[in-house]
Amino acid sequence: MSALPGTTGRRRIYLMRHGFVDYTSAAVRAARDPKVATLTERGEQEARAAGVALSEVHFDLALCSGLARTRQTAEFVLAEHPNAPALEEDGRFGELRSGSYMDFHSAEHLAAVMTFTFEQAGEPEAAFLPGGERFADALLRIREALADLLARPDWATALVVAHEVVNRMLLADVIGAPLGASAGFEQDTGCINILDFDLVPAESGQGTKVERGVIKAVNLTPANYLKNGMNLRSLEAIFTRPAEE
């Protein structure tokens, strides 16, 4: 089994959130679908900064959720790697599915609703906006995607570019925290998390199992490591900023 140098069964995932997007843009509102959102100029700068920061990391695998904003971010990162692996998609790392487009009164209104929604993730039957995917159901698919990734042979280091709430849920789950704890893991746009997993042979003799997961780093932002001036929480920043021209 491939493993990090100096270890016998340890693998590392660099888990990113995509760069900055404008969910209140004319294109998103016209389509009534946040899936069409793409990186803004700021988002591209964040992705490039992450790529430079990760330029000396050798990636054996690279995955994104398949949405344009994660694919763009991953492409900027991999552009710093002359021998980068082919970018793959796994929709199970995709953002939670909402029931219907939310027609908000203002960006501040949208930020407040989304903050409340995330904070209720641990409640029974809590869903991602009315009629949307249940947080508990999303966690099952995210767990499945992670398990399948860790079961793949011949890799030690992987890049995974996903989404804010997906990353929050995954980080909480890795350390055995309840779903409601996911709201406490801030995920700024373009951030990097580093997760290590120790794998050991399964008792059945077939394949491996995860003995432990360890969070090595959370919410690193290479475009501004010390977060100087980043005084808003992620949801506040992405929804309440002035619209870019």
Protein backbone atom coordinates (compact mmCIF):
# COMPACT_ATOMS: atom_id res chain seq x y z
CA MET A 1 0.00 0.00 0.00
CA SER A 2 1.29 3.46 -0.86
CA ALA A 3 1.87 5.70 2.16
CA LEU A 4 3.49 8.96 3.16
CA PRO A 5 7.30 8.68 3.36
CA GLY A 6 8.42 7.43 6.75
CA THR A 7 5.06 5.82 7.53
CA THR A 8 3.62 2.38 6.93
CA GLY A 9 -0.01 3.20 6.18
CA ARG A 10 -0.63 6.93 6.36
CA ARG A 11 -2.32 8.93 3.62
CA ARG A 12 -2.88 12.67 3.39
CA ILE A 13 -5.73 14.66 1.88
CA TYR A 14 -5.43 18.35 1.13
CA LEU A 15 -9.08 19.34 1.38
CA MET A 16 -9.88 22.73 -0.14
CA ARG A 17 -12.88 24.96 -0.40
CA HIS A 18 -13.31 26.57 -3.81
CA GLY A 19 -12.33 30.20 -4.31
CA PHE A 20 -14.64 33.19 -3.96
CA VAL A 21 -17.83 33.27 -6.03
CA ASP A 22 -20.75 35.69 -6.26
CA TYR A 23 -23.97 33.88 -5.39
CA THR A 24 -25.87 37.15 -5.86
CA SER A 25 -24.60 37.74 -9.40
CA ALA A 26 -26.95 38.50 -12.28
CA ALA A 27 -26.10 35.15 -13.87
CA VAL A 28 -27.00 33.17 -10.74
CA ARG A 29 -30.22 35.11 -10.17
CA ALA A 30 -31.24 34.79 -13.81
CA ALA A 31 -30.68 31.03 -13.75
CA ARG A 32 -32.14 30.77 -10.24
CA ASP A 33 -29.44 28.21 -9.60
CA PRO A 34 -26.23 28.72 -7.55
CA LYS A 35 -24.65 25.78 -9.40
CA VAL A 36 -23.81 28.12 -12.28
CA ALA A 37 -21.63 30.33 -10.06
CA THR A 38 -18.02 30.65 -11.19
CA LEU A 39 -14.93 32.13 -9.58
CA THR A 40 -14.67 35.89 -9.40
CA GLU A 41 -11.34 37.64 -9.92
CA ARG A 42 -10.82 37.41 -6.17
CA GLY A 43 -11.61 33.71 -6.25
CA GLU A 44 -9.05 33.16 -9.00
CA GLN A 45 -6.43 34.99 -6.95
CA GLU A 46 -7.21 32.79 -3.94
CA ALA A 47 -6.91 29.63 -6.04
CA ARG A 48 -3.61 30.77 -7.56
CA ALA A 49 -2.24 31.55 -4.09
CA ALA A 50 -3.23 28.08 -2.92
CA GLY A 51 -1.54 26.59 -5.96
CA VAL A 52 1.70 28.38 -5.18
CA ALA A 53 1.51 27.29 -1.54
CA LEU A 54 0.99 23.67 -2.61
CA SER A 55 3.47 23.75 -5.49
CA GLU A 56 6.00 21.50 -3.72
CA VAL A 57 3.38 18.91 -2.73
CA HIS A 58 3.28 15.85 -4.93
CA PHE A 59 -0.32 14.89 -5.66
CA ASP A 60 -1.04 11.31 -6.68
CA LEU A 61 -4.76 12.04 -7.10
CA ALA A 62 -6.85 15.16 -7.64
CA LEU A 63 -10.64 15.31 -7.26
CA CYS A 64 -13.28 17.99 -7.36
CA SER A 65 -17.05 17.91 -6.87
CA GLY A 66 -17.72 18.58 -10.54
CA LEU A 67 -19.29 22.02 -10.11
CA ALA A 68 -17.58 24.76 -12.09
CA ARG A 69 -16.25 26.59 -9.05
CA THR A 70 -14.45 23.52 -7.67
CA ARG A 71 -13.13 22.49 -11.07
CA GLN A 72 -11.76 25.99 -11.71
CA THR A 73 -10.10 26.08 -8.29
CA ALA A 74 -8.50 22.67 -8.76
CA GLU A 75 -7.25 23.63 -12.22
CA PHE A 76 -5.53 26.75 -10.86
CA VAL A 77 -3.87 24.66 -8.14
CA LEU A 78 -2.76 21.92 -10.51
CA ALA A 79 -1.39 24.48 -12.97
CA GLU A 80 1.50 24.89 -10.51
CA HIS A 81 2.34 21.18 -10.89
CA PRO A 82 4.05 20.23 -14.18
CA ASN A 83 3.31 16.52 -13.62
CA ALA A 84 -0.15 16.94 -12.12
CA PRO A 85 -2.54 13.97 -12.17
CA ALA A 86 -5.66 14.17 -14.28
CA LEU A 87 -8.47 15.94 -12.45
CA GLU A 88 -11.34 13.62 -11.54
CA GLU A 89 -14.89 14.39 -10.43
CA ASP A 90 -16.85 12.85 -7.58
CA GLY A 91 -20.28 14.35 -7.16
CA ARG A 92 -20.60 12.86 -3.69
CA PHE A 93 -18.36 15.70 -2.53
CA GLY A 94 -20.84 18.15 -4.06
CA GLU A 95 -22.62 20.92 -2.18
CA LEU A 96 -25.87 19.97 -0.49
CA ARG A 97 -28.89 20.04 -2.77
CA SER A 98 -31.39 22.77 -1.97
CA GLY A 99 -35.10 22.28 -2.47
CA SER A 100 -35.72 25.38 -4.54
CA TYR A 101 -34.02 28.66 -5.31
CA MET A 102 -34.22 31.06 -2.39
CA ASP A 103 -35.55 34.46 -3.49
CA PHE A 104 -33.83 36.64 -0.89
CA HIS A 105 -34.57 40.27 -0.01
CA SER A 106 -30.92 41.25 0.31
CA ALA A 107 -27.46 39.75 0.62
CA GLU A 108 -27.67 40.29 4.37
CA HIS A 109 -30.94 38.36 4.47
CA LEU A 110 -29.38 35.48 2.57
CA ALA A 111 -26.34 35.41 4.88
CA ALA A 112 -28.57 35.31 7.96
CA VAL A 113 -30.71 32.49 6.60
CA MET A 114 -27.70 30.41 5.57
CA THR A 115 -26.00 30.94 8.94
CA PHE A 116 -29.12 29.73 10.75
CA THR A 117 -29.41 26.77 8.37
CA PHE A 118 -25.83 25.62 9.05
CA GLU A 119 -26.26 26.01 12.80
CA GLN A 120 -29.30 23.70 12.73
CA ALA A 121 -27.44 20.92 10.89
CA GLY A 122 -27.47 18.61 13.90
CA GLU A 123 -31.21 18.85 14.50
CA PRO A 124 -33.40 15.87 13.53
CA GLU A 125 -34.59 16.12 9.91
CA ALA A 126 -32.61 19.36 9.39
CA ALA A 127 -32.33 20.11 5.67
CA PHE A 128 -30.40 22.46 3.44
CA LEU A 129 -33.17 25.03 2.95
CA PRO A 130 -36.86 23.99 2.76
CA GLY A 131 -37.31 20.82 0.74
CA GLY A 132 -33.58 20.35 0.34
CA GLU A 133 -31.23 17.51 1.11
CA ARG A 134 -31.07 16.47 4.75
CA PHE A 135 -27.73 17.09 6.41
CA ALA A 136 -27.75 13.52 7.76
CA ASP A 137 -28.25 12.12 4.25
CA ALA A 138 -25.48 14.30 2.84
CA LEU A 139 -23.13 13.08 5.53
CA LEU A 140 -23.72 9.50 4.42
CA ARG A 141 -22.70 10.23 0.82
CA ILE A 142 -19.68 12.26 1.96
CA ARG A 143 -18.58 9.39 4.21
CA GLU A 144 -19.02 6.98 1.32
CA ALA A 145 -16.94 9.16 -1.00
CA LEU A 146 -14.16 9.44 1.58
CA ALA A 147 -14.20 5.69 2.29
CA ASP A 148 -13.97 4.88 -1.42
CA LEU A 149 -11.12 7.36 -1.85
CA LEU A 150 -9.17 5.87 1.07
CA ALA A 151 -9.77 2.36 -0.29
CA ARG A 152 -8.19 3.20 -3.63
CA PRO A 153 -4.73 1.70 -4.11
CA ASP A 154 -1.47 3.35 -5.09
CA TRP A 155 -1.69 6.83 -3.68
CA ALA A 156 -0.32 8.68 -0.66
CA THR A 157 -1.37 12.29 -1.20
CA ALA A 158 -4.58 13.61 -2.74
CA LEU A 159 -6.13 16.98 -3.50
CA VAL A 160 -9.90 17.26 -2.96
CA VAL A 161 -11.69 20.53 -3.79
CA ALA A 162 -15.19 20.72 -2.35
CA HIS A 163 -17.57 23.14 -0.63
CA GLU A 164 -18.03 24.99 2.62
CA VAL A 165 -20.70 22.89 4.33
CA VAL A 166 -19.27 19.64 2.92
CA ASN A 167 -15.87 20.44 4.38
CA ARG A 168 -17.37 21.50 7.71
CA MET A 169 -19.24 18.21 8.00
CA LEU A 170 -16.25 16.15 6.96
CA LEU A 171 -13.93 17.86 9.46
CA ALA A 172 -16.34 17.29 12.32
CA ASP A 173 -16.88 13.67 11.32
CA VAL A 174 -13.17 12.86 11.10
CA ILE A 175 -12.73 13.59 14.80
CA GLY A 176 -15.98 11.90 15.80
CA ALA A 177 -17.80 15.14 16.60
CA PRO A 178 -21.59 15.27 16.18
CA LEU A 179 -23.08 16.77 13.04
CA GLY A 180 -24.06 19.93 14.89
CA ALA A 181 -20.39 20.65 15.60
CA SER A 182 -19.78 21.23 11.89
CA ALA A 183 -20.90 24.86 12.22
CA GLY A 184 -17.81 25.52 14.35
CA PHE A 185 -15.36 24.74 11.54
CA GLU A 186 -14.89 27.96 9.58
CA GLN A 187 -14.10 27.55 5.89
CA ASP A 188 -12.95 30.70 4.17
CA THR A 189 -12.99 30.72 0.39
CA GLY A 190 -9.88 29.18 -1.14
CA CYS A 191 -8.85 27.61 2.17
CA ILE A 192 -6.79 24.46 2.67
CA ASN A 193 -7.30 21.77 5.32
CA ILE A 194 -4.83 18.93 5.86
CA LEU A 195 -6.14 15.53 6.96
CA ASP A 196 -4.09 12.42 7.70
CA PHE A 197 -5.55 8.92 7.85
CA ASP A 198 -3.81 5.86 9.28
CA LEU A 199 -4.84 2.67 7.47
CA VAL A 200 -4.32 -0.84 8.78
CA PRO A 201 -5.22 -4.26 7.33
CA ALA A 202 -8.88 -5.13 7.80
CA GLU A 203 -9.65 -8.00 10.17
CA SER A 204 -11.20 -9.93 7.30
CA GLY A 205 -7.84 -9.98 5.56
CA GLN A 206 -9.36 -8.14 2.60
CA GLY A 207 -8.30 -4.53 2.09
CA THR A 208 -7.73 -1.96 4.81
CA LYS A 209 -9.64 0.01 7.40
CA VAL A 210 -9.14 3.47 8.89
CA GLU A 211 -7.56 3.21 12.32
CA ARG A 212 -7.66 6.96 12.96
CA GLY A 213 -8.12 10.30 11.26
CA VAL A 214 -6.14 13.36 12.36
CA ILE A 215 -6.62 17.00 11.41
CA LYS A 216 -3.18 18.51 10.76
CA ALA A 217 -4.39 21.97 9.72
CA VAL A 218 -7.69 23.81 9.27
CA ASN A 219 -8.75 26.80 7.17
CA LEU A 220 -5.33 27.88 5.94
CA THR A 221 -5.69 30.83 3.56
CA PRO A 222 -2.49 31.29 1.52
CA ALA A 223 -3.73 34.58 0.06
CA ASN A 224 -3.73 35.97 3.63
CA TYR A 225 -2.29 33.47 6.12
CA LEU A 226 -2.75 35.68 9.18
CA LYS A 227 -6.27 36.73 8.08
CA ASN A 228 -5.41 40.36 8.64
CA GLY A 229 -8.57 42.34 7.88
CA MET A 230 -10.62 39.18 7.39
CA ASN A 231 -13.01 40.15 10.17
CA LEU A 232 -16.19 38.66 8.71
CA ARG A 233 -17.17 35.05 8.93
CA SER A 234 -17.24 33.22 5.63
CA LEU A 235 -21.00 33.47 5.16
CA GLU A 236 -20.94 37.16 6.01
CA ALA A 237 -18.08 37.84 3.62
CA ILE A 238 -19.48 35.94 0.66
CA PHE A 239 -23.01 37.31 0.93
CA THR A 240 -22.73 40.82 2.37
CA ARG A 241 -19.87 42.26 0.38
CA PRO A 242 -20.51 44.95 -2.27
CA ALA A 243 -21.15 43.40 -5.66
CA GLU A 244 -18.11 43.25 -7.93
CA GLU A 245 -18.35 44.90 -11.29
